[in-house]
């Protein structure tokens, strides 16, 4: 059965303390080439049947209505898992 992946991220203007904590540690653990970490959420939903445009539209509705808090988060990506 196919899986749809939904990524939800904090809006840029919202503080991200977990991302900031990771960001602060990057140089200490040898990852100096990376910066400005933002931590989000990943959801995987299994689809009964084929993934059609209508099913992807329903996944977007699910993300909008249930998975993301519109005042602090945005839906960064919705795709079929590879």
N, C-alpha and C. Protein backbone atom coordinates (compact mmCIF):
# COMPACT_ATOMS: atom_id res chain seq x y z
N UNK A 1 0.84 -1.18 0.00
CA UNK A 1 0.00 0.00 0.00
C UNK A 1 0.89 1.24 0.00
N UNK A 2 0.54 2.23 -0.80
CA UNK A 2 1.35 3.44 -0.88
C UNK A 2 1.25 4.28 0.40
N UNK A 3 2.26 5.10 0.58
CA UNK A 3 2.32 6.00 1.73
C UNK A 3 2.50 7.42 1.23
N UNK A 4 1.78 8.34 1.85
CA UNK A 4 1.95 9.76 1.58
C UNK A 4 2.68 10.38 2.77
N UNK A 5 3.69 11.18 2.47
CA UNK A 5 4.47 11.86 3.50
C UNK A 5 4.05 13.33 3.53
N UNK A 6 3.77 13.82 4.74
CA UNK A 6 3.36 15.21 4.93
C UNK A 6 4.36 15.85 5.89
N UNK A 7 5.03 16.90 5.43
CA UNK A 7 6.00 17.62 6.26
C UNK A 7 5.39 18.95 6.69
N UNK A 8 5.42 19.20 7.99
CA UNK A 8 4.90 20.43 8.57
C UNK A 8 6.06 21.14 9.28
N UNK A 9 6.20 22.43 9.01
CA UNK A 9 7.30 23.21 9.59
C UNK A 9 6.77 24.43 10.33
N UNK A 10 7.55 24.90 11.33
CA UNK A 10 7.14 26.14 11.98
C UNK A 10 7.30 27.31 10.99
N UNK A 11 6.40 28.27 11.08
CA UNK A 11 6.52 29.46 10.24
C UNK A 11 7.84 30.17 10.56
N UNK A 12 8.44 30.85 9.58
CA UNK A 12 9.73 31.51 9.81
C UNK A 12 9.73 32.49 10.97
N UNK A 13 8.61 33.15 11.20
CA UNK A 13 8.56 34.16 12.27
C UNK A 13 8.33 33.56 13.66
N UNK A 14 8.10 32.25 13.73
CA UNK A 14 7.85 31.57 15.00
C UNK A 14 9.18 31.05 15.55
N UNK A 15 9.41 31.28 16.84
CA UNK A 15 10.61 30.76 17.47
C UNK A 15 10.61 29.24 17.42
N UNK A 16 11.79 28.68 17.22
CA UNK A 16 11.95 27.23 17.14
C UNK A 16 13.07 26.83 18.11
N UNK A 17 12.77 26.69 19.41
CA UNK A 17 13.82 26.41 20.38
C UNK A 17 14.56 25.10 20.13
N UNK A 18 13.88 24.08 19.64
CA UNK A 18 14.58 22.82 19.35
C UNK A 18 15.56 22.99 18.20
N UNK A 19 15.13 23.70 17.16
CA UNK A 19 16.03 23.96 16.04
C UNK A 19 17.22 24.81 16.46
N UNK A 20 16.98 25.81 17.31
CA UNK A 20 18.06 26.68 17.80
C UNK A 20 19.07 25.88 18.63
N UNK A 21 18.56 24.97 19.46
CA UNK A 21 19.45 24.15 20.28
C UNK A 21 20.34 23.26 19.40
N UNK A 22 19.76 22.67 18.38
CA UNK A 22 20.54 21.85 17.45
C UNK A 22 21.55 22.72 16.72
N UNK A 23 21.10 23.88 16.24
CA UNK A 23 21.95 24.82 15.51
C UNK A 23 23.17 25.22 16.35
N UNK A 24 22.95 25.48 17.63
CA UNK A 24 24.05 25.91 18.50
C UNK A 24 25.11 24.83 18.68
N UNK A 25 24.70 23.58 18.59
CA UNK A 25 25.64 22.46 18.79
C UNK A 25 26.38 22.03 17.54
N UNK A 26 25.93 22.44 16.37
CA UNK A 26 26.54 21.97 15.12
C UNK A 26 28.07 22.14 15.09
N UNK A 27 28.60 23.34 15.36
CA UNK A 27 30.06 23.49 15.31
C UNK A 27 30.79 22.61 16.32
N UNK A 28 30.17 22.41 17.48
CA UNK A 28 30.80 21.62 18.54
C UNK A 28 30.98 20.16 18.14
N UNK A 29 30.11 19.67 17.28
CA UNK A 29 30.19 18.26 16.87
C UNK A 29 30.71 18.10 15.45
N UNK A 30 31.31 19.17 14.92
CA UNK A 30 32.02 19.08 13.64
C UNK A 30 31.21 19.33 12.39
N UNK A 31 30.01 19.90 12.51
CA UNK A 31 29.18 20.18 11.33
C UNK A 31 29.13 21.68 11.07
N UNK A 32 30.26 22.27 10.76
CA UNK A 32 30.36 23.72 10.57
C UNK A 32 29.77 24.20 9.25
N UNK A 33 29.53 23.29 8.32
CA UNK A 33 28.99 23.68 7.02
C UNK A 33 27.48 23.89 7.03
N UNK A 34 26.83 23.59 8.15
CA UNK A 34 25.37 23.74 8.25
C UNK A 34 25.02 24.85 9.24
N UNK A 35 23.87 25.48 9.00
CA UNK A 35 23.39 26.51 9.93
C UNK A 35 21.89 26.69 9.78
N UNK A 36 21.33 27.42 10.71
CA UNK A 36 19.91 27.78 10.71
C UNK A 36 18.99 26.56 10.63
N UNK A 37 19.14 25.68 11.59
CA UNK A 37 18.31 24.48 11.67
C UNK A 37 16.90 24.85 12.10
N UNK A 38 15.92 24.29 11.43
CA UNK A 38 14.51 24.39 11.84
C UNK A 38 14.00 22.96 11.98
N UNK A 39 13.33 22.69 13.08
CA UNK A 39 12.80 21.35 13.29
C UNK A 39 11.31 21.34 13.05
N UNK A 40 10.87 20.39 12.24
CA UNK A 40 9.45 20.27 11.94
C UNK A 40 8.92 18.90 12.31
N UNK A 41 7.81 18.56 11.68
CA UNK A 41 7.15 17.27 11.93
C UNK A 41 6.95 16.56 10.59
N UNK A 42 7.07 15.25 10.63
CA UNK A 42 6.83 14.42 9.45
C UNK A 42 5.73 13.43 9.81
N UNK A 43 4.74 13.35 8.94
CA UNK A 43 3.65 12.40 9.09
C UNK A 43 3.66 11.47 7.90
N UNK A 44 3.42 10.19 8.14
CA UNK A 44 3.29 9.21 7.06
C UNK A 44 1.91 8.57 7.19
N UNK A 45 1.13 8.65 6.11
CA UNK A 45 -0.21 8.06 6.10
C UNK A 45 -0.30 7.03 4.98
N UNK A 46 -0.82 5.89 5.32
CA UNK A 46 -0.98 4.81 4.35
C UNK A 46 -2.29 5.01 3.59
N UNK A 47 -2.23 4.75 2.30
CA UNK A 47 -3.39 4.95 1.42
C UNK A 47 -3.96 3.58 1.05
N UNK A 48 -5.26 3.46 1.19
CA UNK A 48 -5.96 2.26 0.73
C UNK A 48 -6.27 2.47 -0.75
N UNK A 49 -5.58 1.77 -1.62
CA UNK A 49 -5.79 1.93 -3.06
C UNK A 49 -4.72 2.81 -3.68
N UNK A 50 -5.02 3.33 -4.86
CA UNK A 50 -4.06 4.14 -5.60
C UNK A 50 -4.03 5.58 -5.10
N UNK A 51 -2.87 6.22 -5.28
CA UNK A 51 -2.75 7.63 -4.94
C UNK A 51 -3.11 8.43 -6.19
N UNK A 52 -4.26 9.05 -6.16
CA UNK A 52 -4.73 9.88 -7.27
C UNK A 52 -4.63 11.34 -6.86
N UNK A 53 -4.91 12.24 -7.78
CA UNK A 53 -4.93 13.67 -7.44
C UNK A 53 -5.97 13.94 -6.36
N UNK A 54 -7.09 13.24 -6.41
CA UNK A 54 -8.12 13.43 -5.39
C UNK A 54 -7.62 12.99 -4.01
N UNK A 55 -6.86 11.90 -3.95
CA UNK A 55 -6.31 11.43 -2.68
C UNK A 55 -5.28 12.43 -2.16
N UNK A 56 -4.45 12.98 -3.04
CA UNK A 56 -3.49 14.01 -2.61
C UNK A 56 -4.21 15.26 -2.11
N UNK A 57 -5.31 15.61 -2.75
CA UNK A 57 -6.11 16.74 -2.26
C UNK A 57 -6.66 16.45 -0.86
N UNK A 58 -7.09 15.22 -0.62
CA UNK A 58 -7.58 14.85 0.70
C UNK A 58 -6.46 14.87 1.73
N UNK A 59 -5.25 14.47 1.32
CA UNK A 59 -4.09 14.54 2.22
C UNK A 59 -3.79 15.99 2.60
N UNK A 60 -3.93 16.89 1.63
CA UNK A 60 -3.73 18.31 1.94
C UNK A 60 -4.80 18.81 2.90
N UNK A 61 -6.04 18.36 2.72
CA UNK A 61 -7.11 18.74 3.64
C UNK A 61 -6.83 18.19 5.03
N UNK A 62 -6.36 16.96 5.12
CA UNK A 62 -5.99 16.37 6.40
C UNK A 62 -4.91 17.20 7.09
N UNK A 63 -3.89 17.56 6.33
CA UNK A 63 -2.80 18.35 6.89
C UNK A 63 -3.28 19.72 7.36
N UNK A 64 -4.11 20.34 6.56
CA UNK A 64 -4.61 21.69 6.88
C UNK A 64 -5.54 21.67 8.09
N UNK A 65 -6.41 20.69 8.15
CA UNK A 65 -7.44 20.66 9.19
C UNK A 65 -6.99 20.01 10.50
N UNK A 66 -5.99 19.11 10.43
CA UNK A 66 -5.66 18.34 11.62
C UNK A 66 -4.18 18.35 12.00
N UNK A 67 -3.30 18.29 11.04
CA UNK A 67 -1.89 18.08 11.34
C UNK A 67 -1.09 19.35 11.59
N UNK A 68 -1.47 20.45 10.96
CA UNK A 68 -0.72 21.70 11.11
C UNK A 68 -1.55 22.73 11.86
N UNK A 69 -0.90 23.44 12.75
CA UNK A 69 -1.54 24.56 13.45
C UNK A 69 -1.32 25.80 12.58
N UNK A 70 -2.36 26.32 11.93
CA UNK A 70 -2.16 27.40 10.96
C UNK A 70 -1.61 28.70 11.55
N UNK A 71 -1.71 28.88 12.85
CA UNK A 71 -1.17 30.11 13.43
C UNK A 71 0.33 30.04 13.62
N UNK A 72 0.91 28.83 13.69
CA UNK A 72 2.35 28.72 13.93
C UNK A 72 3.09 27.84 12.92
N UNK A 73 2.36 27.11 12.08
CA UNK A 73 3.01 26.16 11.18
C UNK A 73 2.47 26.29 9.75
N UNK A 74 3.25 25.75 8.82
CA UNK A 74 2.79 25.66 7.44
C UNK A 74 3.11 24.27 6.91
N UNK A 75 2.38 23.87 5.87
CA UNK A 75 2.61 22.57 5.23
C UNK A 75 3.73 22.75 4.22
N UNK A 76 4.86 22.16 4.51
CA UNK A 76 6.04 22.34 3.67
C UNK A 76 6.03 21.44 2.44
N UNK A 77 5.45 20.24 2.59
CA UNK A 77 5.52 19.30 1.46
C UNK A 77 4.52 18.19 1.68
N UNK A 78 3.93 17.73 0.57
CA UNK A 78 3.10 16.53 0.56
C UNK A 78 3.51 15.75 -0.67
N UNK A 79 3.93 14.49 -0.45
CA UNK A 79 4.36 13.68 -1.59
C UNK A 79 4.18 12.20 -1.30
N UNK A 80 4.18 11.43 -2.35
CA UNK A 80 4.12 9.98 -2.22
C UNK A 80 5.51 9.49 -1.86
N UNK A 81 5.61 8.67 -0.83
CA UNK A 81 6.90 8.13 -0.39
C UNK A 81 7.51 7.29 -1.51
N UNK A 82 8.80 7.36 -1.60
CA UNK A 82 9.51 6.59 -2.63
C UNK A 82 10.01 5.30 -2.08
